[in-house]
C-alpha atoms as a PDB file:
ATOM      1  CA  MET A   1      15.699 -20.470  -2.774  1.00  0.00           C
ATOM      2  CA  PRO A   2      18.805 -19.446  -4.651  1.00  0.00           C
ATOM      3  CA  THR A   3      22.266 -18.725  -3.113  1.00  0.00           C
ATOM      4  CA  LEU A   4      22.852 -14.974  -2.669  1.00  0.00           C
ATOM      5  CA  THR A   5      25.848 -12.914  -2.679  1.00  0.00           C
ATOM      6  CA  LEU A   6      26.661 -10.799   0.399  1.00  0.00           C
ATOM      7  CA  GLY A   7      25.426  -7.712  -1.522  1.00  0.00           C
ATOM      8  CA  GLN A   8      22.157  -9.315  -2.635  1.00  0.00           C
ATOM      9  CA  TYR A   9      21.307 -10.533   0.806  1.00  0.00           C
ATOM     10  CA  ASP A  10      22.228  -7.159   2.550  1.00  0.00           C
ATOM     11  CA  LEU A  11      20.147  -5.306  -0.017  1.00  0.00           C
ATOM     12  CA  VAL A  12      17.010  -7.089   0.966  1.00  0.00           C
ATOM     13  CA  TYR A  13      17.936  -7.179   4.559  1.00  0.00           C
ATOM     14  CA  ASN A  14      18.354  -3.388   4.591  1.00  0.00           C
ATOM     15  CA  ALA A  15      15.300  -2.694   2.438  1.00  0.00           C
ATOM     16  CA  LEU A  16      13.130  -4.663   4.925  1.00  0.00           C
ATOM     17  CA  SER A  17      14.804  -2.817   7.841  1.00  0.00           C
ATOM     18  CA  PHE A  18      14.192   0.681   6.154  1.00  0.00           C
ATOM     19  CA  THR A  19      10.588  -0.299   5.579  1.00  0.00           C
ATOM     20  CA  ILE A  20      10.091  -1.266   9.108  1.00  0.00           C
ATOM     21  CA  ALA A  21      11.557   2.038  10.424  1.00  0.00           C
ATOM     22  CA  THR A  22       9.505   4.098   7.837  1.00  0.00           C
ATOM     23  CA  MET A  23       6.134   2.373   8.648  1.00  0.00           C
ATOM     24  CA  GLY A  24       6.798   2.625  12.415  1.00  0.00           C
ATOM     25  CA  ALA A  25       7.613   6.384  12.276  1.00  0.00           C
ATOM     26  CA  ALA A  26       4.562   6.915  10.054  1.00  0.00           C
ATOM     27  CA  PHE A  27       2.366   5.088  12.613  1.00  0.00           C
ATOM     28  CA  VAL A  28       3.433   7.482  15.364  1.00  0.00           C
ATOM     29  CA  PHE A  29       3.078  10.504  13.216  1.00  0.00           C
ATOM     30  CA  PHE A  30      -0.447   9.665  11.932  1.00  0.00           C
ATOM     31  CA  LEU A  31      -1.638   9.125  15.662  1.00  0.00           C
ATOM     32  CA  LEU A  32      -0.173  12.466  16.691  1.00  0.00           C
ATOM     33  CA  ALA A  33      -1.474  14.273  13.583  1.00  0.00           C
ATOM     34  CA  ARG A  34      -5.117  13.054  14.444  1.00  0.00           C
ATOM     35  CA  ASN A  35      -5.771  16.014  16.602  1.00  0.00           C
ATOM     36  CA  THR A  36      -4.560  18.614  13.932  1.00  0.00           C
ATOM     37  CA  VAL A  37      -7.520  18.033  11.665  1.00  0.00           C
ATOM     38  CA  ALA A  38     -11.281  18.607  12.022  1.00  0.00           C
ATOM     39  CA  TYR A  39     -13.208  15.957  13.923  1.00  0.00           C
ATOM     40  CA  LYS A  40     -14.739  14.575  10.696  1.00  0.00           C
ATOM     41  CA  TYR A  41     -11.274  13.766   9.376  1.00  0.00           C
ATOM     42  CA  GLN A  42      -9.885  12.337  12.505  1.00  0.00           C
ATOM     43  CA  ARG A  43     -11.001   8.877  11.565  1.00  0.00           C
ATOM     44  CA  VAL A  44      -9.096   9.218   8.323  1.00  0.00           C
ATOM     45  CA  MET A  45      -5.794   9.645  10.328  1.00  0.00           C
ATOM     46  CA  VAL A  46      -6.611   6.596  12.364  1.00  0.00           C
ATOM     47  CA  ILE A  47      -7.145   4.621   9.224  1.00  0.00           C
ATOM     48  CA  ALA A  48      -3.775   5.792   8.036  1.00  0.00           C
ATOM     49  CA  ALA A  49      -2.207   4.686  11.316  1.00  0.00           C
ATOM     50  CA  ILE A  50      -3.844   1.289  11.293  1.00  0.00           C
ATOM     51  CA  ILE A  51      -2.554   0.720   7.667  1.00  0.00           C
ATOM     52  CA  VAL A  52       1.160   1.424   8.635  1.00  0.00           C
ATOM     53  CA  GLY A  53       0.827  -0.285  11.894  1.00  0.00           C
ATOM     54  CA  ILE A  54      -0.359  -3.412  10.054  1.00  0.00           C
ATOM     55  CA  ALA A  55       2.533  -3.193   7.722  1.00  0.00           C
ATOM     56  CA  THR A  56       5.012  -2.619  10.480  1.00  0.00           C
ATOM     57  CA  TYR A  57       3.856  -5.870  12.052  1.00  0.00           C
ATOM     58  CA  HIS A  58       4.160  -7.844   8.797  1.00  0.00           C
ATOM     59  CA  TYR A  59       7.494  -6.333   7.851  1.00  0.00           C
ATOM     60  CA  VAL A  60       8.954  -7.358  11.094  1.00  0.00           C
ATOM     61  CA  ARG A  61       7.733 -10.958  10.466  1.00  0.00           C
ATOM     62  CA  MET A  62       9.276 -10.756   6.920  1.00  0.00           C
ATOM     63  CA  PHE A  63      12.544  -9.487   8.296  1.00  0.00           C
ATOM     64  CA  SER A  64      12.721 -12.338  10.742  1.00  0.00           C
ATOM     65  CA  SER A  65      11.782 -14.828   8.132  1.00  0.00           C
ATOM     66  CA  TRP A  66      14.394 -13.483   5.752  1.00  0.00           C
ATOM     67  CA  SER A  67      17.194 -13.596   8.418  1.00  0.00           C
ATOM     68  CA  ALA A  68      16.211 -17.230   9.202  1.00  0.00           C
ATOM     69  CA  ALA A  69      16.105 -18.293   5.562  1.00  0.00           C
ATOM     70  CA  PHE A  70      19.745 -17.863   4.712  1.00  0.00           C
ATOM     71  CA  VAL A  71      23.124 -18.520   6.469  1.00  0.00           C
ATOM     72  CA  ASN A  72      26.485 -16.986   5.772  1.00  0.00           C
ATOM     73  CA  SER A  73      28.743 -19.676   4.149  1.00  0.00           C
ATOM     74  CA  GLY A  74      32.156 -18.298   3.403  1.00  0.00           C
ATOM     75  CA  GLY A  75      31.002 -15.006   1.749  1.00  0.00           C
ATOM     76  CA  THR A  76      27.807 -16.193   0.334  1.00  0.00           C
ATOM     77  CA  TYR A  77      24.315 -16.767   1.784  1.00  0.00           C
ATOM     78  CA  THR A  78      22.915 -20.189   1.244  1.00  0.00           C
ATOM     79  CA  PRO A  79      19.388 -21.322   1.904  1.00  0.00           C
ATOM     80  CA  THR A  80      18.617 -23.026   5.237  1.00  0.00           C
ATOM     81  CA  ASN A  81      15.835 -25.349   5.996  1.00  0.00           C
ATOM     82  CA  GLU A  82      13.635 -22.365   6.754  1.00  0.00           C
ATOM     83  CA  ILE A  83      11.622 -20.956   3.836  1.00  0.00           C
ATOM     84  CA  PHE A  84      11.187 -17.277   3.397  1.00  0.00           C
ATOM     85  CA  ASN A  85       7.465 -16.679   4.142  1.00  0.00           C
ATOM     86  CA  GLU A  86       6.095 -14.683   1.143  1.00  0.00           C
ATOM     87  CA  ALA A  87       2.566 -15.179   2.578  1.00  0.00           C
ATOM     88  CA  TYR A  88       3.270 -12.352   5.196  1.00  0.00           C
ATOM     89  CA  ARG A  89       3.328  -9.749   2.271  1.00  0.00           C
ATOM     90  CA  TYR A  90       0.050 -10.983   0.814  1.00  0.00           C
ATOM     91  CA  ALA A  91      -1.612 -11.020   4.294  1.00  0.00           C
ATOM     92  CA  ASP A  92      -0.460  -7.428   4.757  1.00  0.00           C
ATOM     93  CA  TRP A  93      -1.852  -6.327   1.333  1.00  0.00           C
ATOM     94  CA  LEU A  94      -5.197  -8.206   2.020  1.00  0.00           C
ATOM     95  CA  LEU A  95      -5.715  -5.926   4.986  1.00  0.00           C
ATOM     96  CA  THR A  96      -4.048  -2.746   3.938  1.00  0.00           C
ATOM     97  CA  VAL A  97      -4.935  -2.323   0.133  1.00  0.00           C
ATOM     98  CA  PRO A  98      -8.841  -2.134   0.915  1.00  0.00           C
ATOM     99  CA  LEU A  99      -8.079   0.215   3.836  1.00  0.00           C
ATOM    100  CA  LEU A 100      -5.936   2.509   1.448  1.00  0.00           C
ATOM    101  CA  LEU A 101      -9.034   2.848  -0.779  1.00  0.00           C
ATOM    102  CA  VAL A 102     -11.426   3.439   2.214  1.00  0.00           C
ATOM    103  CA  GLU A 103      -8.912   6.103   3.373  1.00  0.00           C
ATOM    104  CA  LEU A 104      -9.220   7.885   0.101  1.00  0.00           C
ATOM    105  CA  VAL A 105     -13.128   7.773  -0.046  1.00  0.00           C
ATOM    106  CA  ALA A 106     -13.242   8.951   3.568  1.00  0.00           C
ATOM    107  CA  VAL A 107     -11.392  12.273   2.774  1.00  0.00           C
ATOM    108  CA  LEU A 108     -13.547  13.115  -0.225  1.00  0.00           C
ATOM    109  CA  SER A 109     -16.798  14.831   0.012  1.00  0.00           C
ATOM    110  CA  ILE A 110     -18.949  11.760  -0.467  1.00  0.00           C
ATOM    111  CA  THR A 111     -21.797  10.973   1.970  1.00  0.00           C
ATOM    112  CA  GLY A 112     -24.489   8.509   2.755  1.00  0.00           C
ATOM    113  CA  GLU A 113     -25.350   5.563   0.422  1.00  0.00           C
ATOM    114  CA  ARG A 114     -23.003   6.754  -2.383  1.00  0.00           C
ATOM    115  CA  ARG A 115     -20.080   6.642  -0.082  1.00  0.00           C
ATOM    116  CA  LYS A 116     -21.112   3.246   1.087  1.00  0.00           C
ATOM    117  CA  GLY A 117     -21.546   1.926  -2.602  1.00  0.00           C
ATOM    118  CA  VAL A 118     -18.066   3.258  -3.701  1.00  0.00           C
ATOM    119  CA  ILE A 119     -16.408   1.711  -0.558  1.00  0.00           C
ATOM    120  CA  ILE A 120     -18.050  -1.684  -1.193  1.00  0.00           C
ATOM    121  CA  ARG A 121     -17.042  -1.742  -4.833  1.00  0.00           C
ATOM    122  CA  LEU A 122     -13.498  -0.788  -4.251  1.00  0.00           C
ATOM    123  CA  VAL A 123     -13.011  -3.058  -1.240  1.00  0.00           C
ATOM    124  CA  VAL A 124     -14.278  -6.127  -3.085  1.00  0.00           C
ATOM    125  CA  ALA A 125     -12.116  -5.351  -6.099  1.00  0.00           C
ATOM    126  CA  ALA A 126      -9.089  -4.891  -3.876  1.00  0.00           C
ATOM    127  CA  VAL A 127      -9.608  -8.137  -2.090  1.00  0.00           C
ATOM    128  CA  LEU A 128      -9.973 -10.052  -5.401  1.00  0.00           C
ATOM    129  CA  MET A 129      -6.906  -8.405  -6.799  1.00  0.00           C
ATOM    130  CA  ILE A 130      -4.755  -9.640  -3.893  1.00  0.00           C
ATOM    131  CA  VAL A 131      -6.405 -13.111  -3.495  1.00  0.00           C
ATOM    132  CA  LEU A 132      -6.043 -13.766  -7.267  1.00  0.00           C
ATOM    133  CA  GLY A 133      -2.368 -12.601  -7.344  1.00  0.00           C
ATOM    134  CA  TYR A 134      -1.156 -14.927  -4.569  1.00  0.00           C
ATOM    135  CA  PRO A 135      -1.344 -18.252  -6.376  1.00  0.00           C
ATOM    136  CA  GLY A 136       0.729 -16.925  -9.139  1.00  0.00           C
ATOM    137  CA  GLU A 137       3.378 -15.486  -6.482  1.00  0.00           C
ATOM    138  CA  VAL A 138       4.022 -18.951  -5.006  1.00  0.00           C
ATOM    139  CA  THR A 139       4.087 -20.980  -8.106  1.00  0.00           C
ATOM    140  CA  LEU A 140       7.286 -21.809 -10.178  1.00  0.00           C
ATOM    141  CA  ASP A 141       5.173 -22.654 -13.200  1.00  0.00           C
ATOM    142  CA  VAL A 142       5.304 -19.703 -15.943  1.00  0.00           C
ATOM    143  CA  GLY A 143       1.864 -20.464 -17.210  1.00  0.00           C
ATOM    144  CA  THR A 144       0.203 -20.582 -13.830  1.00  0.00           C
ATOM    145  CA  ARG A 145       1.941 -17.362 -12.825  1.00  0.00           C
ATOM    146  CA  LEU A 146       0.807 -15.509 -16.021  1.00  0.00           C
ATOM    147  CA  LEU A 147      -2.816 -16.914 -15.537  1.00  0.00           C
ATOM    148  CA  TRP A 148      -3.249 -15.696 -12.111  1.00  0.00           C
ATOM    149  CA  GLY A 149      -1.366 -12.537 -12.759  1.00  0.00           C
ATOM    150  CA  THR A 150      -3.836 -11.779 -15.498  1.00  0.00           C
ATOM    151  CA  LEU A 151      -6.755 -12.538 -13.437  1.00  0.00           C
ATOM    152  CA  SER A 152      -5.463 -10.247 -10.745  1.00  0.00           C
ATOM    153  CA  THR A 153      -5.085  -7.460 -13.254  1.00  0.00           C
ATOM    154  CA  ILE A 154      -8.832  -7.482 -13.976  1.00  0.00           C
ATOM    155  CA  PRO A 155      -9.976  -5.950 -10.555  1.00  0.00           C
ATOM    156  CA  PHE A 156      -6.885  -3.716 -10.691  1.00  0.00           C
ATOM    157  CA  ILE A 157      -8.174  -2.171 -13.872  1.00  0.00           C
ATOM    158  CA  TYR A 158     -11.716  -1.809 -12.412  1.00  0.00           C
ATOM    159  CA  ILE A 159     -10.211   0.068  -9.288  1.00  0.00           C
ATOM    160  CA  VAL A 160      -8.312   2.462 -11.766  1.00  0.00           C
ATOM    161  CA  TYR A 161     -11.554   3.010 -13.622  1.00  0.00           C
ATOM    162  CA  VAL A 162     -13.496   3.912 -10.509  1.00  0.00           C
ATOM    163  CA  LEU A 163     -10.698   6.179  -9.269  1.00  0.00           C
ATOM    164  CA  TRP A 164     -10.703   8.212 -12.533  1.00  0.00           C
ATOM    165  CA  ARG A 165     -14.444   8.140 -13.381  1.00  0.00           C
ATOM    166  CA  ASP A 166     -16.531   8.037 -10.304  1.00  0.00           C
ATOM    167  CA  LEU A 167     -13.994   9.845  -8.008  1.00  0.00           C
ATOM    168  CA  GLY A 168     -13.100  12.275 -10.747  1.00  0.00           C
ATOM    169  CA  VAL A 169     -16.613  13.671 -10.552  1.00  0.00           C
ATOM    170  CA  VAL A 170     -16.251  14.193  -6.833  1.00  0.00           C
ATOM    171  CA  MET A 171     -12.944  15.775  -7.097  1.00  0.00           C
ATOM    172  CA  ALA A 172     -14.365  18.407  -9.454  1.00  0.00           C
ATOM    173  CA  ARG A 173     -16.310  19.830  -6.527  1.00  0.00           C
ATOM    174  CA  GLU A 174     -13.235  20.399  -4.335  1.00  0.00           C
ATOM    175  CA  SER A 175     -11.234  23.502  -4.055  1.00  0.00           C
ATOM    176  CA  PRO A 176      -8.369  23.958  -6.552  1.00  0.00           C
ATOM    177  CA  GLU A 177      -5.797  23.256  -3.944  1.00  0.00           C
ATOM    178  CA  VAL A 178      -7.491  20.045  -2.884  1.00  0.00           C
ATOM    179  CA  ARG A 179      -8.039  18.990  -6.470  1.00  0.00           C
ATOM    180  CA  VAL A 180      -4.248  19.303  -7.220  1.00  0.00           C
ATOM    181  CA  LEU A 181      -3.439  17.041  -4.224  1.00  0.00           C
ATOM    182  CA  LEU A 182      -6.170  14.577  -5.062  1.00  0.00           C
ATOM    183  CA  ARG A 183      -4.789  14.321  -8.649  1.00  0.00           C
ATOM    184  CA  ASN A 184      -1.176  13.728  -7.236  1.00  0.00           C
ATOM    185  CA  LEU A 185      -2.705  11.218  -4.800  1.00  0.00           C
ATOM    186  CA  ARG A 186      -4.337   9.237  -7.500  1.00  0.00           C
ATOM    187  CA  LEU A 187      -1.004   9.344  -9.665  1.00  0.00           C
ATOM    188  CA  LEU A 188       0.995   8.268  -6.541  1.00  0.00           C
ATOM    189  CA  LEU A 189      -1.328   5.340  -6.060  1.00  0.00           C
ATOM    190  CA  LEU A 190      -1.192   4.366  -9.708  1.00  0.00           C
ATOM    191  CA  ALA A 191       2.527   4.687  -9.935  1.00  0.00           C
ATOM    192  CA  SER A 192       3.262   2.781  -6.685  1.00  0.00           C
ATOM    193  CA  TRP A 193       0.750  -0.014  -7.677  1.00  0.00           C
ATOM    194  CA  GLY A 194       2.516  -0.210 -11.075  1.00  0.00           C
ATOM    195  CA  VAL A 195       5.762  -1.388  -9.384  1.00  0.00           C
ATOM    196  CA  TYR A 196       3.952  -4.580  -8.094  1.00  0.00           C
ATOM    197  CA  PRO A 197       3.245  -6.227 -11.438  1.00  0.00           C
ATOM    198  CA  ILE A 198       6.708  -5.464 -12.605  1.00  0.00           C
ATOM    199  CA  ALA A 199       8.118  -7.057  -9.507  1.00  0.00           C
ATOM    200  CA  TYR A 200       5.755  -9.889  -9.929  1.00  0.00           C
ATOM    201  CA  LEU A 201       6.800 -10.646 -13.360  1.00  0.00           C
ATOM    202  CA  LEU A 202      10.514 -10.673 -12.673  1.00  0.00           C
ATOM    203  CA  PRO A 203      10.792 -14.422 -12.319  1.00  0.00           C
ATOM    204  CA  LEU A 204       9.400 -14.712 -15.937  1.00  0.00           C
ATOM    205  CA  LEU A 205      12.019 -12.565 -17.572  1.00  0.00           C
ATOM    206  CA  ASN A 206      14.567 -15.211 -17.784  1.00  0.00           C
ATOM    207  CA  ILE A 207      17.028 -13.538 -15.380  1.00  0.00           C
ATOM    208  CA  ASP A 208      19.201 -15.004 -12.622  1.00  0.00           C
ATOM    209  CA  PRO A 209      16.846 -16.387  -9.929  1.00  0.00           C
ATOM    210  CA  ALA A 210      18.830 -14.573  -7.181  1.00  0.00           C
ATOM    211  CA  MET A 211      18.423 -11.197  -9.017  1.00  0.00           C
ATOM    212  CA  ALA A 212      14.708 -11.917  -9.532  1.00  0.00           C
ATOM    213  CA  LEU A 213      14.200 -12.679  -5.861  1.00  0.00           C
ATOM    214  CA  VAL A 214      16.126  -9.594  -4.766  1.00  0.00           C
ATOM    215  CA  GLY A 215      14.490  -7.321  -7.315  1.00  0.00           C
ATOM    216  CA  ARG A 216      11.053  -8.560  -6.198  1.00  0.00           C
ATOM    217  CA  GLN A 217      11.529  -7.987  -2.496  1.00  0.00           C
ATOM    218  CA  VAL A 218      13.256  -4.617  -2.921  1.00  0.00           C
ATOM    219  CA  GLY A 219      10.556  -3.527  -5.425  1.00  0.00           C
ATOM    220  CA  TYR A 220       7.655  -4.537  -3.206  1.00  0.00           C
ATOM    221  CA  SER A 221       9.193  -2.777  -0.328  1.00  0.00           C
ATOM    222  CA  ILE A 222       9.805   0.533  -2.068  1.00  0.00           C
ATOM    223  CA  ALA A 223       6.169   0.299  -3.527  1.00  0.00           C
ATOM    224  CA  ASP A 224       4.854  -0.185   0.006  1.00  0.00           C
ATOM    225  CA  VAL A 225       6.712   2.690   1.367  1.00  0.00           C
ATOM    226  CA  VAL A 226       5.277   4.931  -1.348  1.00  0.00           C
ATOM    227  CA  ALA A 227       1.777   3.494  -1.163  1.00  0.00           C
ATOM    228  CA  LYS A 228       1.428   3.644   2.576  1.00  0.00           C
ATOM    229  CA  PRO A 229       3.519   6.357   4.466  1.00  0.00           C
ATOM    230  CA  ALA A 230       3.931   8.730   1.431  1.00  0.00           C
ATOM    231  CA  TYR A 231       0.295   8.169   0.332  1.00  0.00           C
ATOM    232  CA  GLY A 232      -0.802   8.868   4.019  1.00  0.00           C
ATOM    233  CA  LEU A 233       1.183  12.045   4.045  1.00  0.00           C
ATOM    234  CA  LEU A 234      -0.816  13.275   1.104  1.00  0.00           C
ATOM    235  CA  ILE A 235      -4.019  12.283   2.728  1.00  0.00           C
ATOM    236  CA  TYR A 236      -3.055  14.153   5.815  1.00  0.00           C
ATOM    237  CA  ALA A 237      -2.328  17.277   3.651  1.00  0.00           C
ATOM    238  CA  ILE A 238      -5.756  17.018   2.120  1.00  0.00           C
ATOM    239  CA  ALA A 239      -7.462  16.663   5.503  1.00  0.00           C
ATOM    240  CA  ARG A 240      -5.635  19.699   6.830  1.00  0.00           C
ATOM    241  CA  ILE A 241      -6.609  21.909   3.926  1.00  0.00           C
ATOM    242  CA  LYS A 242     -10.299  20.814   3.928  1.00  0.00           C
ATOM    243  CA  SER A 243     -10.344  21.264   7.730  1.00  0.00           C
ATOM    244  CA  GLU A 244      -9.115  24.828   7.354  1.00  0.00           C
ATOM    245  CA  GLU A 245     -11.511  25.543   4.496  1.00  0.00           C
ATOM    246  CA  GLU A 246     -14.524  24.217   6.321  1.00  0.00           C
ATOM    247  CA  GLN A 247     -13.534  26.019   9.574  1.00  0.00           C
ATOM    248  CA  ALA A 248     -13.429  29.284   7.614  1.00  0.00           C
ATOM    249  CA  ILE A 249     -17.065  28.959   6.305  1.00  0.00           C
ATOM    250  CA  ALA A 250     -18.636  27.261   9.317  1.00  0.00           C
ATOM    251  CA  PRO A 251     -20.086  28.612  12.539  1.00  0.00           C
ATOM    252  CA  VAL A 252     -17.833  28.246  15.583  1.00  0.00           C
ATOM    253  CA  GLY A 253     -18.118  24.630  16.902  1.00  0.00           C
ATOM    254  CA  ALA A 254     -20.061  23.367  13.909  1.00  0.00           C
ATOM    255  CA  LEU A 255     -17.213  21.052  12.931  1.00  0.00           C
ATOM    256  CA  VAL A 256     -16.715  19.467  16.392  1.00  0.00           C
ATOM    257  CA  ALA A 257     -19.446  16.972  16.118  1.00  0.00           C
ATOM    258  CA  THR A 258     -20.084  16.747  12.334  1.00  0.00           C
ATOM    259  CA  ASP A 259     -19.661  13.341  10.477  1.00  0.00           C
END
């Protein structure tokens, strides 16, 4: 671990703290929002709450690990015997990234075996993407990092392909208002996920190791805030609109027990 300036240490410290607060607030909001959507979409809000709840836990652990990994030594922060545990972040992604994709499919008008098939394909690809990226994250060897980063990109490309091709067909059947939100949701997901490979590659760009460490942690934190709470708010907006649309055309009480 490199020695950090006061500003570098505080930047990561505050980024982790901000992310904890954001995830925690989103957890409470999504639970409270559950009763403001139709019954069939309530599980979507539960999934959104689970995602940010898991992230809150892991960010608390990362915050504690970061605090223990450095000590203030005359205006700079030097590494202690404690190693900053990057595995917490990958453990979080391994659980939450598949759930983010399940959340998206759950709010779409996909039913039965087709829904099951799409979910299985996306979840498997998401798990592979995270698992393949971890060996490169923890290595100092440039070639090894590039190898595992490239392998991790393959399932990422497949996920993007499914989101644009398969789910694009389903989106075409939604109302114009929902289609706009779903389009924005896909773009938001792609933009936030695009930050991860940039942060992942920072150690390979021949920049100062301290700057690479700080840039990686801050970049990952920003991307997580966008990909989880902000993404969940768009999911909630879609669920609210679809609830209102379906309520307008359904008999009274018909939406209470539909799945």
